[in-house]
Amino acid sequence: MKKLIPILALASLLAACGKESQAKMKSTVSDLKAKTAEGVDQAKDAISRAVADFEQSAEESLSKIDPQIAELRAKAKNAGESAQAEMKEALANLEGQRKELADKMAELKSAAPEKAQELLEKVKSSLASLQKSTQDAVKRFQ
């Protein structure tokens, strides 16, 4: 809709101008359309690159988080009753966050570029939350 308003304005000007002016205006409109399309493509490419870069970074982070969660799970098996109950609760929370993050990452991979930027911010936030929760649990149950 935002693109349509300037085009309609230019069309109104075309009607008021002479034939030479109309030809120039049509050329200008075509140039504007081409530049707008080029700008949209560049923005989509930039978002796609940002998503790809983040996915790589997230996979690296998860390759550190997943073993920590597995280690906590192993410690919980050998812990006393009360500690085991606390650890299981913490693990359930971590595993829930991990699944939520995986779901959001899958959604991000298949998202249209127009929606990807917003989703990227949500996934970054979820990853940061999981990292903090994992660090807190590791410190708590050392």
N, C-alpha and C. Protein backbone atom coordinates (compact mmCIF):
# COMPACT_ATOMS: atom_id res chain seq x y z
N MET A 1 0.82 -1.18 0.00
CA MET A 1 0.00 0.00 0.00
C MET A 1 0.87 1.25 0.00
N LYS A 2 1.96 1.23 0.78
CA LYS A 2 2.85 2.39 0.83
C LYS A 2 3.46 2.66 -0.54
N LYS A 3 3.72 1.60 -1.30
CA LYS A 3 4.32 1.76 -2.62
C LYS A 3 3.29 2.32 -3.61
N LEU A 4 2.05 2.03 -3.39
CA LEU A 4 0.99 2.42 -4.29
C LEU A 4 0.72 3.92 -4.24
N ILE A 5 0.83 4.54 -3.09
CA ILE A 5 0.53 5.98 -2.94
C ILE A 5 1.43 6.84 -3.80
N PRO A 6 2.77 6.65 -3.76
CA PRO A 6 3.61 7.48 -4.63
C PRO A 6 3.34 7.23 -6.11
N ILE A 7 3.02 6.02 -6.45
CA ILE A 7 2.75 5.71 -7.86
C ILE A 7 1.47 6.41 -8.31
N LEU A 8 0.45 6.40 -7.46
CA LEU A 8 -0.79 7.09 -7.79
C LEU A 8 -0.57 8.60 -7.90
N ALA A 9 0.25 9.14 -7.03
CA ALA A 9 0.56 10.57 -7.09
C ALA A 9 1.25 10.91 -8.41
N LEU A 10 2.18 10.08 -8.81
CA LEU A 10 2.87 10.32 -10.07
C LEU A 10 1.92 10.16 -11.24
N ALA A 11 0.99 9.22 -11.16
CA ALA A 11 0.02 9.03 -12.23
C ALA A 11 -0.85 10.28 -12.37
N SER A 12 -1.21 10.89 -11.26
CA SER A 12 -2.00 12.13 -11.31
C SER A 12 -1.22 13.24 -12.00
N LEU A 13 0.06 13.31 -11.69
CA LEU A 13 0.89 14.33 -12.34
C LEU A 13 1.01 14.07 -13.83
N LEU A 14 1.07 12.81 -14.22
CA LEU A 14 1.16 12.46 -15.63
C LEU A 14 -0.04 12.97 -16.40
N ALA A 15 -1.19 12.87 -15.81
CA ALA A 15 -2.41 13.30 -16.48
C ALA A 15 -2.39 14.81 -16.72
N ALA A 16 -1.74 15.55 -15.87
CA ALA A 16 -1.72 17.00 -15.97
C ALA A 16 -0.60 17.51 -16.88
N CYS A 17 0.33 16.70 -17.22
CA CYS A 17 1.51 17.14 -17.98
C CYS A 17 1.32 16.88 -19.47
N GLY A 18 2.17 17.52 -20.27
CA GLY A 18 2.18 17.29 -21.72
C GLY A 18 2.80 15.95 -22.04
N LYS A 19 2.80 15.60 -23.33
CA LYS A 19 3.30 14.29 -23.76
C LYS A 19 4.78 14.10 -23.44
N GLU A 20 5.58 15.12 -23.63
CA GLU A 20 7.01 15.00 -23.30
C GLU A 20 7.20 14.78 -21.81
N SER A 21 6.50 15.55 -21.05
CA SER A 21 6.59 15.42 -19.59
C SER A 21 6.08 14.06 -19.15
N GLN A 22 5.04 13.58 -19.83
CA GLN A 22 4.49 12.26 -19.48
C GLN A 22 5.52 11.17 -19.75
N ALA A 23 6.25 11.28 -20.82
CA ALA A 23 7.28 10.28 -21.14
C ALA A 23 8.37 10.29 -20.08
N LYS A 24 8.78 11.48 -19.66
CA LYS A 24 9.80 11.59 -18.60
C LYS A 24 9.28 11.01 -17.29
N MET A 25 8.04 11.33 -16.98
CA MET A 25 7.44 10.83 -15.73
C MET A 25 7.34 9.31 -15.75
N LYS A 26 6.94 8.75 -16.89
CA LYS A 26 6.84 7.29 -17.01
C LYS A 26 8.20 6.65 -16.81
N SER A 27 9.22 7.29 -17.37
CA SER A 27 10.57 6.79 -17.20
C SER A 27 10.99 6.86 -15.73
N THR A 28 10.64 7.95 -15.08
CA THR A 28 10.95 8.13 -13.67
C THR A 28 10.22 7.09 -12.82
N VAL A 29 8.96 6.87 -13.14
CA VAL A 29 8.19 5.86 -12.41
C VAL A 29 8.83 4.49 -12.58
N SER A 30 9.22 4.16 -13.80
CA SER A 30 9.87 2.86 -14.04
C SER A 30 11.16 2.74 -13.25
N ASP A 31 11.93 3.82 -13.24
CA ASP A 31 13.18 3.82 -12.47
C ASP A 31 12.91 3.62 -10.98
N LEU A 32 11.90 4.31 -10.48
CA LEU A 32 11.56 4.19 -9.06
C LEU A 32 11.13 2.76 -8.74
N LYS A 33 10.33 2.18 -9.60
CA LYS A 33 9.89 0.79 -9.38
C LYS A 33 11.09 -0.15 -9.35
N ALA A 34 12.00 0.04 -10.29
CA ALA A 34 13.18 -0.83 -10.36
C ALA A 34 14.05 -0.67 -9.11
N LYS A 35 14.26 0.58 -8.70
CA LYS A 35 15.08 0.82 -7.51
C LYS A 35 14.41 0.28 -6.26
N THR A 36 13.10 0.41 -6.17
CA THR A 36 12.36 -0.12 -5.02
C THR A 36 12.49 -1.64 -4.97
N ALA A 37 12.31 -2.29 -6.10
CA ALA A 37 12.43 -3.75 -6.15
C ALA A 37 13.85 -4.18 -5.78
N GLU A 38 14.84 -3.44 -6.25
CA GLU A 38 16.24 -3.75 -5.93
C GLU A 38 16.49 -3.60 -4.43
N GLY A 39 15.94 -2.53 -3.84
CA GLY A 39 16.10 -2.31 -2.40
C GLY A 39 15.44 -3.40 -1.58
N VAL A 40 14.27 -3.84 -2.01
CA VAL A 40 13.57 -4.92 -1.32
C VAL A 40 14.39 -6.20 -1.39
N ASP A 41 14.93 -6.50 -2.56
CA ASP A 41 15.76 -7.69 -2.71
C ASP A 41 17.01 -7.63 -1.83
N GLN A 42 17.62 -6.46 -1.75
CA GLN A 42 18.80 -6.31 -0.90
C GLN A 42 18.46 -6.51 0.56
N ALA A 43 17.31 -5.98 0.99
CA ALA A 43 16.89 -6.14 2.38
C ALA A 43 16.62 -7.62 2.68
N LYS A 44 15.97 -8.31 1.77
CA LYS A 44 15.70 -9.74 1.96
C LYS A 44 17.00 -10.53 2.05
N ASP A 45 17.96 -10.20 1.19
CA ASP A 45 19.26 -10.87 1.23
C ASP A 45 19.97 -10.62 2.56
N ALA A 46 19.91 -9.39 3.05
CA ALA A 46 20.57 -9.06 4.32
C ALA A 46 19.93 -9.84 5.47
N ILE A 47 18.62 -9.93 5.47
CA ILE A 47 17.93 -10.69 6.52
C ILE A 47 18.29 -12.17 6.43
N SER A 48 18.33 -12.70 5.21
CA SER A 48 18.69 -14.11 5.04
C SER A 48 20.10 -14.38 5.55
N ARG A 49 21.02 -13.46 5.28
CA ARG A 49 22.40 -13.64 5.77
C ARG A 49 22.43 -13.56 7.30
N ALA A 50 21.67 -12.64 7.87
CA ALA A 50 21.64 -12.51 9.34
C ALA A 50 21.08 -13.77 9.98
N VAL A 51 20.06 -14.35 9.38
CA VAL A 51 19.47 -15.58 9.90
C VAL A 51 20.48 -16.72 9.80
N ALA A 52 21.14 -16.84 8.66
CA ALA A 52 22.14 -17.91 8.48
C ALA A 52 23.29 -17.76 9.48
N ASP A 53 23.77 -16.53 9.66
CA ASP A 53 24.85 -16.29 10.62
C ASP A 53 24.41 -16.66 12.04
N PHE A 54 23.19 -16.26 12.38
CA PHE A 54 22.68 -16.57 13.71
C PHE A 54 22.53 -18.08 13.90
N GLU A 55 22.02 -18.77 12.89
CA GLU A 55 21.84 -20.22 13.01
C GLU A 55 23.16 -20.91 13.31
N GLN A 56 24.21 -20.48 12.65
CA GLN A 56 25.53 -21.06 12.91
C GLN A 56 25.97 -20.76 14.34
N SER A 57 25.80 -19.54 14.76
CA SER A 57 26.17 -19.14 16.11
C SER A 57 25.35 -19.91 17.15
N ALA A 58 24.06 -20.06 16.89
CA ALA A 58 23.18 -20.77 17.82
C ALA A 58 23.58 -22.24 17.92
N GLU A 59 23.92 -22.84 16.80
CA GLU A 59 24.35 -24.25 16.83
C GLU A 59 25.62 -24.42 17.66
N GLU A 60 26.53 -23.46 17.56
CA GLU A 60 27.75 -23.51 18.37
C GLU A 60 27.40 -23.40 19.86
N SER A 61 26.49 -22.51 20.19
CA SER A 61 26.07 -22.34 21.58
C SER A 61 25.39 -23.60 22.10
N LEU A 62 24.53 -24.16 21.27
CA LEU A 62 23.81 -25.37 21.68
C LEU A 62 24.74 -26.57 21.83
N SER A 63 25.82 -26.58 21.07
CA SER A 63 26.78 -27.68 21.20
C SER A 63 27.49 -27.63 22.55
N LYS A 64 27.44 -26.49 23.22
CA LYS A 64 27.99 -26.37 24.57
C LYS A 64 26.92 -26.61 25.63
N ILE A 65 25.70 -26.17 25.34
CA ILE A 65 24.60 -26.29 26.30
C ILE A 65 24.13 -27.74 26.44
N ASP A 66 23.96 -28.44 25.33
CA ASP A 66 23.42 -29.80 25.37
C ASP A 66 24.24 -30.75 26.25
N PRO A 67 25.57 -30.74 26.18
CA PRO A 67 26.35 -31.60 27.07
C PRO A 67 26.20 -31.22 28.55
N GLN A 68 26.03 -29.93 28.81
CA GLN A 68 25.83 -29.50 30.20
C GLN A 68 24.51 -30.05 30.74
N ILE A 69 23.48 -30.02 29.93
CA ILE A 69 22.19 -30.57 30.34
C ILE A 69 22.32 -32.08 30.56
N ALA A 70 23.03 -32.75 29.67
CA ALA A 70 23.23 -34.20 29.81
C ALA A 70 24.00 -34.51 31.09
N GLU A 71 24.99 -33.68 31.42
CA GLU A 71 25.77 -33.88 32.64
C GLU A 71 24.89 -33.70 33.88
N LEU A 72 24.02 -32.71 33.84
CA LEU A 72 23.09 -32.50 34.96
C LEU A 72 22.15 -33.69 35.10
N ARG A 73 21.70 -34.23 33.98
CA ARG A 73 20.81 -35.39 34.00
C ARG A 73 21.53 -36.58 34.67
N ALA A 74 22.81 -36.78 34.34
CA ALA A 74 23.58 -37.87 34.94
C ALA A 74 23.79 -37.64 36.43
N LYS A 75 24.06 -36.41 36.83
CA LYS A 75 24.23 -36.09 38.25
C LYS A 75 22.94 -36.33 39.02
N ALA A 76 21.82 -36.05 38.39
CA ALA A 76 20.52 -36.21 39.06
C ALA A 76 20.27 -37.68 39.41
N LYS A 77 20.75 -38.58 38.56
CA LYS A 77 20.55 -40.01 38.81
C LYS A 77 21.28 -40.47 40.08
N ASN A 78 22.40 -39.84 40.37
CA ASN A 78 23.22 -40.24 41.51
C ASN A 78 23.00 -39.37 42.75
N ALA A 79 22.13 -38.39 42.66
CA ALA A 79 21.91 -37.45 43.77
C ALA A 79 20.96 -38.05 44.80
N GLY A 80 20.99 -37.46 45.99
CA GLY A 80 20.06 -37.87 47.04
C GLY A 80 18.63 -37.47 46.65
N GLU A 81 17.66 -37.95 47.44
CA GLU A 81 16.26 -37.74 47.09
C GLU A 81 15.87 -36.28 46.92
N SER A 82 16.18 -35.45 47.91
CA SER A 82 15.76 -34.04 47.82
C SER A 82 16.50 -33.31 46.70
N ALA A 83 17.80 -33.56 46.59
CA ALA A 83 18.59 -32.93 45.52
C ALA A 83 18.11 -33.43 44.16
N GLN A 84 17.79 -34.71 44.10
CA GLN A 84 17.32 -35.29 42.84
C GLN A 84 16.01 -34.63 42.39
N ALA A 85 15.12 -34.39 43.33
CA ALA A 85 13.85 -33.75 42.99
C ALA A 85 14.09 -32.34 42.45
N GLU A 86 14.99 -31.60 43.09
CA GLU A 86 15.31 -30.24 42.63
C GLU A 86 15.95 -30.27 41.25
N MET A 87 16.85 -31.22 41.07
CA MET A 87 17.54 -31.32 39.79
C MET A 87 16.57 -31.71 38.67
N LYS A 88 15.67 -32.61 38.98
CA LYS A 88 14.69 -33.01 37.95
C LYS A 88 13.80 -31.83 37.56
N GLU A 89 13.45 -31.02 38.53
CA GLU A 89 12.64 -29.84 38.24
C GLU A 89 13.42 -28.86 37.35
N ALA A 90 14.68 -28.65 37.70
CA ALA A 90 15.53 -27.76 36.91
C ALA A 90 15.73 -28.32 35.50
N LEU A 91 15.92 -29.64 35.41
CA LEU A 91 16.09 -30.27 34.10
C LEU A 91 14.83 -30.15 33.25
N ALA A 92 13.68 -30.33 33.87
CA ALA A 92 12.42 -30.20 33.13
C ALA A 92 12.29 -28.78 32.56
N ASN A 93 12.69 -27.80 33.35
CA ASN A 93 12.66 -26.41 32.89
C ASN A 93 13.62 -26.21 31.72
N LEU A 94 14.84 -26.70 31.85
CA LEU A 94 15.84 -26.57 30.79
C LEU A 94 15.40 -27.27 29.52
N GLU A 95 14.87 -28.47 29.67
CA GLU A 95 14.44 -29.23 28.50
C GLU A 95 13.25 -28.55 27.81
N GLY A 96 12.37 -27.95 28.60
CA GLY A 96 11.26 -27.20 28.02
C GLY A 96 11.75 -25.99 27.23
N GLN A 97 12.72 -25.28 27.81
CA GLN A 97 13.30 -24.12 27.11
C GLN A 97 14.02 -24.57 25.84
N ARG A 98 14.70 -25.70 25.93
CA ARG A 98 15.45 -26.21 24.77
C ARG A 98 14.49 -26.58 23.64
N LYS A 99 13.38 -27.22 23.99
CA LYS A 99 12.39 -27.60 22.97
C LYS A 99 11.76 -26.35 22.35
N GLU A 100 11.42 -25.38 23.20
CA GLU A 100 10.84 -24.13 22.70
C GLU A 100 11.80 -23.44 21.73
N LEU A 101 13.09 -23.45 22.08
CA LEU A 101 14.09 -22.85 21.20
C LEU A 101 14.17 -23.60 19.88
N ALA A 102 14.18 -24.92 19.94
CA ALA A 102 14.24 -25.72 18.71
C ALA A 102 13.03 -25.44 17.82
N ASP A 103 11.85 -25.31 18.42
CA ASP A 103 10.64 -25.01 17.65
C ASP A 103 10.75 -23.63 16.99
N LYS A 104 11.24 -22.65 17.73
CA LYS A 104 11.38 -21.30 17.18
C LYS A 104 12.42 -21.27 16.08
N MET A 105 13.50 -22.03 16.24
CA MET A 105 14.53 -22.07 15.20
C MET A 105 13.99 -22.72 13.93
N ALA A 106 13.19 -23.76 14.07
CA ALA A 106 12.58 -24.40 12.91
C ALA A 106 11.64 -23.42 12.20
N GLU A 107 10.89 -22.67 12.98
CA GLU A 107 9.99 -21.67 12.41
C GLU A 107 10.79 -20.58 11.68
N LEU A 108 11.91 -20.19 12.27
CA LEU A 108 12.76 -19.17 11.67
C LEU A 108 13.32 -19.63 10.32
N LYS A 109 13.73 -20.89 10.26
CA LYS A 109 14.30 -21.41 9.02
C LYS A 109 13.31 -21.36 7.87
N SER A 110 12.04 -21.57 8.17
CA SER A 110 11.04 -21.61 7.11
C SER A 110 10.28 -20.29 6.95
N ALA A 111 10.64 -19.28 7.72
CA ALA A 111 9.91 -18.01 7.69
C ALA A 111 10.25 -17.20 6.44
N ALA A 112 9.25 -16.47 5.98
CA ALA A 112 9.47 -15.52 4.89
C ALA A 112 10.35 -14.39 5.41
N PRO A 113 11.15 -13.81 4.53
CA PRO A 113 12.05 -12.74 4.98
C PRO A 113 11.33 -11.60 5.71
N GLU A 114 10.09 -11.31 5.33
CA GLU A 114 9.36 -10.23 5.97
C GLU A 114 9.11 -10.52 7.45
N LYS A 115 9.00 -11.79 7.79
CA LYS A 115 8.71 -12.19 9.17
C LYS A 115 9.97 -12.62 9.92
N ALA A 116 11.01 -12.91 9.19
CA ALA A 116 12.23 -13.47 9.78
C ALA A 116 12.90 -12.55 10.78
N GLN A 117 12.91 -11.26 10.52
CA GLN A 117 13.60 -10.33 11.43
C GLN A 117 12.96 -10.36 12.82
N GLU A 118 11.64 -10.34 12.86
CA GLU A 118 10.93 -10.38 14.14
C GLU A 118 11.19 -11.71 14.86
N LEU A 119 11.12 -12.80 14.11
CA LEU A 119 11.37 -14.12 14.70
C LEU A 119 12.81 -14.25 15.19
N LEU A 120 13.73 -13.67 14.45
CA LEU A 120 15.15 -13.73 14.82
C LEU A 120 15.37 -13.14 16.21
N GLU A 121 14.73 -12.03 16.48
CA GLU A 121 14.87 -11.41 17.80
C GLU A 121 14.30 -12.31 18.90
N LYS A 122 13.19 -12.96 18.63
CA LYS A 122 12.58 -13.87 19.61
C LYS A 122 13.49 -15.08 19.86
N VAL A 123 14.09 -15.61 18.81
CA VAL A 123 14.96 -16.77 18.95
C VAL A 123 16.23 -16.38 19.72
N LYS A 124 16.77 -15.22 19.43
CA LYS A 124 17.94 -14.74 20.17
C LYS A 124 17.64 -14.63 21.66
N SER A 125 16.48 -14.11 21.97
CA SER A 125 16.07 -13.96 23.36
C SER A 125 15.92 -15.33 24.03
N SER A 126 15.32 -16.28 23.32
CA SER A 126 15.14 -17.63 23.87
C SER A 126 16.48 -18.30 24.11
N LEU A 127 17.42 -18.11 23.19
CA LEU A 127 18.76 -18.71 23.35
C LEU A 127 19.46 -18.10 24.56
N ALA A 128 19.39 -16.80 24.70
CA ALA A 128 20.03 -16.14 25.85
C ALA A 128 19.42 -16.63 27.16
N SER A 129 18.12 -16.81 27.18
CA SER A 129 17.44 -17.31 28.38
C SER A 129 17.88 -18.73 28.71
N LEU A 130 17.97 -19.57 27.70
CA LEU A 130 18.43 -20.95 27.91
C LEU A 130 19.87 -20.98 28.40
N GLN A 131 20.72 -20.15 27.84
CA GLN A 131 22.11 -20.10 28.27
C GLN A 131 22.20 -19.71 29.75
N LYS A 132 21.46 -18.69 30.13
CA LYS A 132 21.49 -18.24 31.52
C LYS A 132 20.93 -19.31 32.45
N SER A 133 19.82 -19.91 32.09
CA SER A 133 19.22 -20.95 32.93
C SER A 133 20.16 -22.14 33.09
N THR A 134 20.85 -22.50 32.01
CA THR A 134 21.79 -23.63 32.07
C THR A 134 22.96 -23.29 32.97
N GLN A 135 23.50 -22.10 32.82
CA GLN A 135 24.63 -21.68 33.68
C GLN A 135 24.21 -21.67 35.14
N ASP A 136 23.03 -21.16 35.42
CA ASP A 136 22.54 -21.11 36.79
C ASP A 136 22.38 -22.52 37.37
N ALA A 137 21.84 -23.43 36.58
CA ALA A 137 21.65 -24.80 37.05
C ALA A 137 22.98 -25.50 37.28
N VAL A 138 23.93 -25.29 36.39
CA VAL A 138 25.25 -25.91 36.55
C VAL A 138 25.90 -25.41 37.83
N LYS A 139 25.87 -24.12 38.08
CA LYS A 139 26.45 -23.56 39.31
C LYS A 139 25.73 -24.09 40.56
N ARG A 140 24.44 -24.16 40.46
CA ARG A 140 23.64 -24.58 41.61
C ARG A 140 23.89 -26.04 42.00
N PHE A 141 24.10 -26.89 41.03
CA PHE A 141 24.23 -28.32 41.31
C PHE A 141 25.64 -28.87 41.13
N GLN A 142 26.64 -28.02 41.30
CA GLN A 142 28.03 -28.50 41.18
C GLN A 142 28.40 -29.42 42.30
